[in-house]
Amino acid sequence: MRESEEEMRRQLSDYQQLQQQLQLVLVQKQQTTLQLQELEKAKESLDKSSQGAAYRFVGGFFIPKEKEQLEKELEEEKEGLDLRQKTLEKQEEKLTERLESIKKWFDKLQKQQGENAKTSS
């Protein structure tokens, strides 16, 4: 019985850690989504601009940039954020699967304990 109690504690600890990790991943995913939305708005504004130069806010300063260069930088940033988003989605999926697995383990244990209680009565 002692081993099953230790296993239960370990599984519960793992479950709690996985929940925390999942929460962090979800926050990061939300931040990345917001960054992608801001980037998309910046690209739209740049597309509407008829000027050949634009400004980029860097470290508290507006830096003049050629429109084409800024478009290229925004596209590279978008690619990086898209990749980050996909990575976070995969992490979310794996963490959710692991959480479900532990939950099923607890459900199975609870069912076994219920059956054992019925047969011992």
N, C-alpha and C. Protein backbone atom coordinates (compact mmCIF):
# COMPACT_ATOMS: atom_id res chain seq x y z
N MET A 1 0.82 -1.19 0.00
CA MET A 1 0.00 0.00 0.00
C MET A 1 0.87 1.25 0.00
N ARG A 2 2.01 1.16 0.61
CA ARG A 2 2.91 2.30 0.70
C ARG A 2 3.38 2.75 -0.69
N GLU A 3 3.67 1.79 -1.55
CA GLU A 3 4.12 2.13 -2.91
C GLU A 3 3.04 2.87 -3.68
N SER A 4 1.81 2.44 -3.53
CA SER A 4 0.73 3.10 -4.26
C SER A 4 0.51 4.52 -3.74
N GLU A 5 0.70 4.73 -2.44
CA GLU A 5 0.59 6.08 -1.89
C GLU A 5 1.69 6.99 -2.43
N GLU A 6 2.90 6.44 -2.51
CA GLU A 6 4.02 7.21 -3.06
C GLU A 6 3.79 7.51 -4.53
N GLU A 7 3.27 6.52 -5.25
CA GLU A 7 2.98 6.72 -6.67
C GLU A 7 1.89 7.78 -6.84
N MET A 8 0.90 7.75 -5.97
CA MET A 8 -0.18 8.72 -6.03
C MET A 8 0.36 10.13 -5.77
N ARG A 9 1.24 10.27 -4.80
CA ARG A 9 1.84 11.58 -4.51
C ARG A 9 2.67 12.08 -5.70
N ARG A 10 3.43 11.15 -6.28
CA ARG A 10 4.26 11.51 -7.43
C ARG A 10 3.39 11.95 -8.60
N GLN A 11 2.33 11.20 -8.87
CA GLN A 11 1.43 11.54 -9.98
C GLN A 11 0.74 12.88 -9.72
N LEU A 12 0.34 13.11 -8.49
CA LEU A 12 -0.30 14.38 -8.15
C LEU A 12 0.67 15.54 -8.32
N SER A 13 1.90 15.34 -7.88
CA SER A 13 2.93 16.38 -8.05
C SER A 13 3.19 16.66 -9.53
N ASP A 14 3.29 15.59 -10.32
CA ASP A 14 3.48 15.74 -11.77
C ASP A 14 2.31 16.49 -12.39
N TYR A 15 1.11 16.15 -11.95
CA TYR A 15 -0.10 16.79 -12.48
C TYR A 15 -0.07 18.28 -12.20
N GLN A 16 0.28 18.65 -10.99
CA GLN A 16 0.34 20.07 -10.62
C GLN A 16 1.41 20.82 -11.42
N GLN A 17 2.56 20.19 -11.59
CA GLN A 17 3.63 20.82 -12.37
C GLN A 17 3.21 20.99 -13.83
N LEU A 18 2.56 19.98 -14.37
CA LEU A 18 2.10 20.07 -15.76
C LEU A 18 1.05 21.16 -15.93
N GLN A 19 0.17 21.32 -14.94
CA GLN A 19 -0.82 22.39 -14.99
C GLN A 19 -0.13 23.76 -15.02
N GLN A 20 0.90 23.92 -14.20
CA GLN A 20 1.64 25.19 -14.17
C GLN A 20 2.33 25.44 -15.51
N GLN A 21 2.95 24.39 -16.05
CA GLN A 21 3.62 24.53 -17.34
C GLN A 21 2.62 24.89 -18.43
N LEU A 22 1.48 24.24 -18.40
CA LEU A 22 0.44 24.52 -19.40
C LEU A 22 -0.03 25.97 -19.28
N GLN A 23 -0.19 26.44 -18.06
CA GLN A 23 -0.62 27.83 -17.86
C GLN A 23 0.40 28.80 -18.45
N LEU A 24 1.69 28.53 -18.24
CA LEU A 24 2.74 29.38 -18.81
C LEU A 24 2.71 29.35 -20.33
N VAL A 25 2.53 28.18 -20.90
CA VAL A 25 2.47 28.05 -22.35
C VAL A 25 1.28 28.83 -22.90
N LEU A 26 0.14 28.74 -22.23
CA LEU A 26 -1.05 29.46 -22.68
C LEU A 26 -0.85 30.98 -22.62
N VAL A 27 -0.17 31.45 -21.58
CA VAL A 27 0.12 32.89 -21.48
C VAL A 27 1.05 33.32 -22.62
N GLN A 28 2.09 32.52 -22.86
CA GLN A 28 3.03 32.84 -23.94
C GLN A 28 2.33 32.81 -25.30
N LYS A 29 1.44 31.85 -25.47
CA LYS A 29 0.70 31.73 -26.72
C LYS A 29 -0.18 32.96 -26.93
N GLN A 30 -0.82 33.41 -25.86
CA GLN A 30 -1.66 34.61 -25.94
C GLN A 30 -0.81 35.84 -26.28
N GLN A 31 0.36 35.96 -25.66
CA GLN A 31 1.24 37.09 -25.95
C GLN A 31 1.70 37.06 -27.40
N THR A 32 2.02 35.87 -27.89
CA THR A 32 2.45 35.74 -29.28
C THR A 32 1.32 36.11 -30.23
N THR A 33 0.11 35.71 -29.90
CA THR A 33 -1.05 36.06 -30.72
C THR A 33 -1.23 37.57 -30.78
N LEU A 34 -1.09 38.23 -29.64
CA LEU A 34 -1.20 39.70 -29.61
C LEU A 34 -0.09 40.34 -30.44
N GLN A 35 1.13 39.82 -30.34
CA GLN A 35 2.24 40.36 -31.13
C GLN A 35 1.97 40.19 -32.62
N LEU A 36 1.42 39.04 -33.00
CA LEU A 36 1.09 38.81 -34.41
C LEU A 36 0.02 39.79 -34.89
N GLN A 37 -0.96 40.06 -34.04
CA GLN A 37 -2.01 41.02 -34.40
C GLN A 37 -1.43 42.42 -34.57
N GLU A 38 -0.56 42.83 -33.67
CA GLU A 38 0.08 44.14 -33.77
C GLU A 38 0.93 44.23 -35.03
N LEU A 39 1.63 43.17 -35.32
CA LEU A 39 2.48 43.12 -36.51
C LEU A 39 1.63 43.23 -37.77
N GLU A 40 0.49 42.57 -37.77
CA GLU A 40 -0.40 42.63 -38.92
C GLU A 40 -0.93 44.05 -39.12
N LYS A 41 -1.27 44.73 -38.03
CA LYS A 41 -1.73 46.12 -38.13
C LYS A 41 -0.62 47.01 -38.66
N ALA A 42 0.60 46.78 -38.21
CA ALA A 42 1.74 47.57 -38.69
C ALA A 42 1.94 47.35 -40.19
N LYS A 43 1.81 46.10 -40.63
CA LYS A 43 1.96 45.80 -42.06
C LYS A 43 0.86 46.48 -42.88
N GLU A 44 -0.36 46.46 -42.37
CA GLU A 44 -1.47 47.11 -43.07
C GLU A 44 -1.23 48.61 -43.19
N SER A 45 -0.78 49.23 -42.10
CA SER A 45 -0.49 50.67 -42.13
C SER A 45 0.63 50.98 -43.11
N LEU A 46 1.62 50.14 -43.14
CA LEU A 46 2.74 50.33 -44.05
C LEU A 46 2.29 50.18 -45.50
N ASP A 47 1.41 49.22 -45.75
CA ASP A 47 0.89 49.01 -47.10
C ASP A 47 0.09 50.22 -47.59
N LYS A 48 -0.64 50.86 -46.67
CA LYS A 48 -1.45 52.03 -47.03
C LYS A 48 -0.60 53.28 -47.26
N SER A 49 0.60 53.27 -46.71
CA SER A 49 1.48 54.43 -46.82
C SER A 49 2.01 54.58 -48.25
N SER A 50 1.99 55.80 -48.73
CA SER A 50 2.48 56.04 -50.08
C SER A 50 3.91 56.59 -50.05
N GLN A 51 4.42 56.82 -48.84
CA GLN A 51 5.77 57.36 -48.72
C GLN A 51 6.80 56.24 -48.89
N GLY A 52 7.98 56.63 -49.33
CA GLY A 52 9.06 55.67 -49.53
C GLY A 52 9.82 55.35 -48.26
N ALA A 53 9.63 56.18 -47.25
CA ALA A 53 10.31 55.95 -45.97
C ALA A 53 9.27 55.81 -44.87
N ALA A 54 9.67 55.10 -43.83
CA ALA A 54 8.80 54.93 -42.67
C ALA A 54 9.70 54.94 -41.43
N TYR A 55 9.11 54.87 -40.28
CA TYR A 55 9.86 54.90 -39.04
C TYR A 55 9.55 53.67 -38.21
N ARG A 56 10.59 53.20 -37.54
CA ARG A 56 10.43 52.05 -36.65
C ARG A 56 10.83 52.49 -35.25
N PHE A 57 10.00 52.14 -34.28
CA PHE A 57 10.27 52.50 -32.89
C PHE A 57 11.21 51.46 -32.29
N VAL A 58 12.42 51.89 -31.93
CA VAL A 58 13.43 50.98 -31.38
C VAL A 58 14.07 51.63 -30.17
N GLY A 59 13.96 50.98 -29.03
CA GLY A 59 14.63 51.45 -27.81
C GLY A 59 14.29 52.87 -27.42
N GLY A 60 13.06 53.28 -27.62
CA GLY A 60 12.64 54.61 -27.23
C GLY A 60 12.86 55.67 -28.31
N PHE A 61 13.33 55.26 -29.47
CA PHE A 61 13.58 56.21 -30.56
C PHE A 61 12.88 55.75 -31.83
N PHE A 62 12.51 56.72 -32.67
CA PHE A 62 11.99 56.41 -33.99
C PHE A 62 13.16 56.44 -34.96
N ILE A 63 13.37 55.32 -35.62
CA ILE A 63 14.48 55.19 -36.57
C ILE A 63 13.91 55.19 -37.99
N PRO A 64 14.40 56.08 -38.87
CA PRO A 64 13.90 56.08 -40.25
C PRO A 64 14.40 54.83 -40.98
N LYS A 65 13.50 54.26 -41.77
CA LYS A 65 13.83 53.06 -42.56
C LYS A 65 13.16 53.19 -43.92
N GLU A 66 13.76 52.57 -44.89
CA GLU A 66 13.13 52.48 -46.20
C GLU A 66 11.93 51.55 -46.07
N LYS A 67 10.88 51.87 -46.77
CA LYS A 67 9.64 51.10 -46.68
C LYS A 67 9.88 49.62 -47.00
N GLU A 68 10.64 49.35 -48.04
CA GLU A 68 10.91 47.97 -48.45
C GLU A 68 11.68 47.21 -47.36
N GLN A 69 12.65 47.89 -46.74
CA GLN A 69 13.43 47.27 -45.68
C GLN A 69 12.54 46.95 -44.47
N LEU A 70 11.69 47.88 -44.15
CA LEU A 70 10.78 47.68 -43.01
C LEU A 70 9.78 46.55 -43.30
N GLU A 71 9.30 46.48 -44.54
CA GLU A 71 8.40 45.38 -44.92
C GLU A 71 9.10 44.04 -44.76
N LYS A 72 10.36 43.99 -45.17
CA LYS A 72 11.15 42.75 -45.06
C LYS A 72 11.34 42.38 -43.58
N GLU A 73 11.65 43.36 -42.75
CA GLU A 73 11.85 43.10 -41.32
C GLU A 73 10.56 42.60 -40.67
N LEU A 74 9.44 43.22 -41.02
CA LEU A 74 8.15 42.82 -40.47
C LEU A 74 7.80 41.39 -40.90
N GLU A 75 8.10 41.06 -42.14
CA GLU A 75 7.83 39.70 -42.64
C GLU A 75 8.70 38.68 -41.91
N GLU A 76 9.96 39.00 -41.68
CA GLU A 76 10.86 38.09 -40.95
C GLU A 76 10.38 37.91 -39.50
N GLU A 77 9.94 39.00 -38.90
CA GLU A 77 9.39 38.95 -37.54
C GLU A 77 8.16 38.06 -37.50
N LYS A 78 7.30 38.20 -38.51
CA LYS A 78 6.08 37.40 -38.58
C LYS A 78 6.43 35.92 -38.70
N GLU A 79 7.40 35.59 -39.52
CA GLU A 79 7.80 34.20 -39.68
C GLU A 79 8.29 33.62 -38.34
N GLY A 80 9.07 34.41 -37.61
CA GLY A 80 9.56 33.97 -36.31
C GLY A 80 8.43 33.78 -35.31
N LEU A 81 7.47 34.69 -35.31
CA LEU A 81 6.33 34.58 -34.40
C LEU A 81 5.42 33.41 -34.79
N ASP A 82 5.25 33.19 -36.09
CA ASP A 82 4.46 32.04 -36.54
C ASP A 82 5.09 30.73 -36.07
N LEU A 83 6.40 30.64 -36.19
CA LEU A 83 7.13 29.45 -35.74
C LEU A 83 6.98 29.28 -34.23
N ARG A 84 7.10 30.38 -33.50
CA ARG A 84 6.94 30.34 -32.04
C ARG A 84 5.53 29.87 -31.67
N GLN A 85 4.55 30.36 -32.40
CA GLN A 85 3.16 29.99 -32.15
C GLN A 85 2.95 28.49 -32.37
N LYS A 86 3.51 27.95 -33.44
CA LYS A 86 3.38 26.52 -33.72
C LYS A 86 4.06 25.69 -32.64
N THR A 87 5.21 26.13 -32.18
CA THR A 87 5.93 25.43 -31.12
C THR A 87 5.10 25.42 -29.84
N LEU A 88 4.52 26.55 -29.50
CA LEU A 88 3.68 26.64 -28.30
C LEU A 88 2.45 25.76 -28.43
N GLU A 89 1.86 25.69 -29.61
CA GLU A 89 0.70 24.84 -29.83
C GLU A 89 1.06 23.37 -29.63
N LYS A 90 2.24 22.96 -30.10
CA LYS A 90 2.70 21.58 -29.90
C LYS A 90 2.94 21.31 -28.42
N GLN A 91 3.55 22.26 -27.72
CA GLN A 91 3.76 22.10 -26.28
C GLN A 91 2.44 21.99 -25.55
N GLU A 92 1.49 22.82 -25.92
CA GLU A 92 0.16 22.78 -25.30
C GLU A 92 -0.47 21.41 -25.50
N GLU A 93 -0.37 20.90 -26.71
CA GLU A 93 -0.96 19.60 -27.03
C GLU A 93 -0.31 18.48 -26.20
N LYS A 94 1.01 18.48 -26.11
CA LYS A 94 1.72 17.44 -25.35
C LYS A 94 1.39 17.52 -23.86
N LEU A 95 1.37 18.73 -23.32
CA LEU A 95 1.04 18.89 -21.91
C LEU A 95 -0.38 18.45 -21.62
N THR A 96 -1.31 18.79 -22.50
CA THR A 96 -2.71 18.40 -22.32
C THR A 96 -2.84 16.88 -22.36
N GLU A 97 -2.11 16.24 -23.28
CA GLU A 97 -2.14 14.78 -23.36
C GLU A 97 -1.60 14.15 -22.08
N ARG A 98 -0.51 14.69 -21.56
CA ARG A 98 0.07 14.15 -20.33
C ARG A 98 -0.86 14.36 -19.14
N LEU A 99 -1.51 15.51 -19.09
CA LEU A 99 -2.49 15.76 -18.02
C LEU A 99 -3.66 14.78 -18.11
N GLU A 100 -4.15 14.53 -19.30
CA GLU A 100 -5.24 13.58 -19.50
C GLU A 100 -4.82 12.17 -19.07
N SER A 101 -3.60 11.81 -19.38
CA SER A 101 -3.09 10.49 -19.02
C SER A 101 -3.07 10.31 -17.50
N ILE A 102 -2.59 11.32 -16.79
CA ILE A 102 -2.56 11.25 -15.32
C ILE A 102 -3.98 11.23 -14.77
N LYS A 103 -4.86 12.02 -15.37
CA LYS A 103 -6.26 12.05 -14.91
C LYS A 103 -6.89 10.67 -15.07
N LYS A 104 -6.63 10.01 -16.19
CA LYS A 104 -7.16 8.66 -16.42
C LYS A 104 -6.59 7.69 -15.38
N TRP A 105 -5.31 7.85 -15.04
CA TRP A 105 -4.69 7.00 -14.03
C TRP A 105 -5.41 7.16 -12.70
N PHE A 106 -5.70 8.40 -12.30
CA PHE A 106 -6.41 8.66 -11.05
C PHE A 106 -7.84 8.10 -11.10
N ASP A 107 -8.51 8.27 -12.24
CA ASP A 107 -9.86 7.74 -12.40
C ASP A 107 -9.88 6.22 -12.24
N LYS A 108 -8.89 5.57 -12.86
CA LYS A 108 -8.78 4.11 -12.78
C LYS A 108 -8.51 3.67 -11.33
N LEU A 109 -7.63 4.39 -10.66
CA LEU A 109 -7.31 4.07 -9.27
C LEU A 109 -8.54 4.25 -8.39
N GLN A 110 -9.26 5.33 -8.62
CA GLN A 110 -10.47 5.60 -7.82
C GLN A 110 -11.51 4.50 -8.05
N LYS A 111 -11.65 4.07 -9.29
CA LYS A 111 -12.61 3.01 -9.61
C LYS A 111 -12.20 1.70 -8.92
N GLN A 112 -10.91 1.38 -8.95
CA GLN A 112 -10.42 0.17 -8.30
C GLN A 112 -10.66 0.21 -6.79
N GLN A 113 -10.41 1.36 -6.20
CA GLN A 113 -10.62 1.51 -4.76
C GLN A 113 -12.10 1.37 -4.41
N GLY A 114 -12.96 1.89 -5.27
CA GLY A 114 -14.40 1.75 -5.06
C GLY A 114 -14.84 0.31 -5.13
N GLU A 115 -14.30 -0.43 -6.10
CA GLU A 115 -14.63 -1.85 -6.25
C GLU A 115 -14.09 -2.65 -5.06
N ASN A 116 -12.89 -2.32 -4.61
CA ASN A 116 -12.30 -3.02 -3.45
C ASN A 116 -13.13 -2.76 -2.20
N ALA A 117 -13.64 -1.56 -2.05
CA ALA A 117 -14.46 -1.21 -0.89
C ALA A 117 -15.77 -2.00 -0.92
N LYS A 118 -16.35 -2.22 -2.10
CA LYS A 118 -17.59 -2.97 -2.22
C LYS A 118 -17.38 -4.45 -1.88
N THR A 119 -16.27 -5.02 -2.36
CA THR A 119 -16.02 -6.44 -2.12
C THR A 119 -15.61 -6.73 -0.68
N SER A 120 -15.06 -5.76 -0.01
CA SER A 120 -14.65 -5.98 1.38
C SER A 120 -15.79 -5.76 2.36
N SER A 121 -16.92 -5.22 1.88
CA SER A 121 -18.06 -4.95 2.78
C SER A 121 -18.86 -6.19 3.06
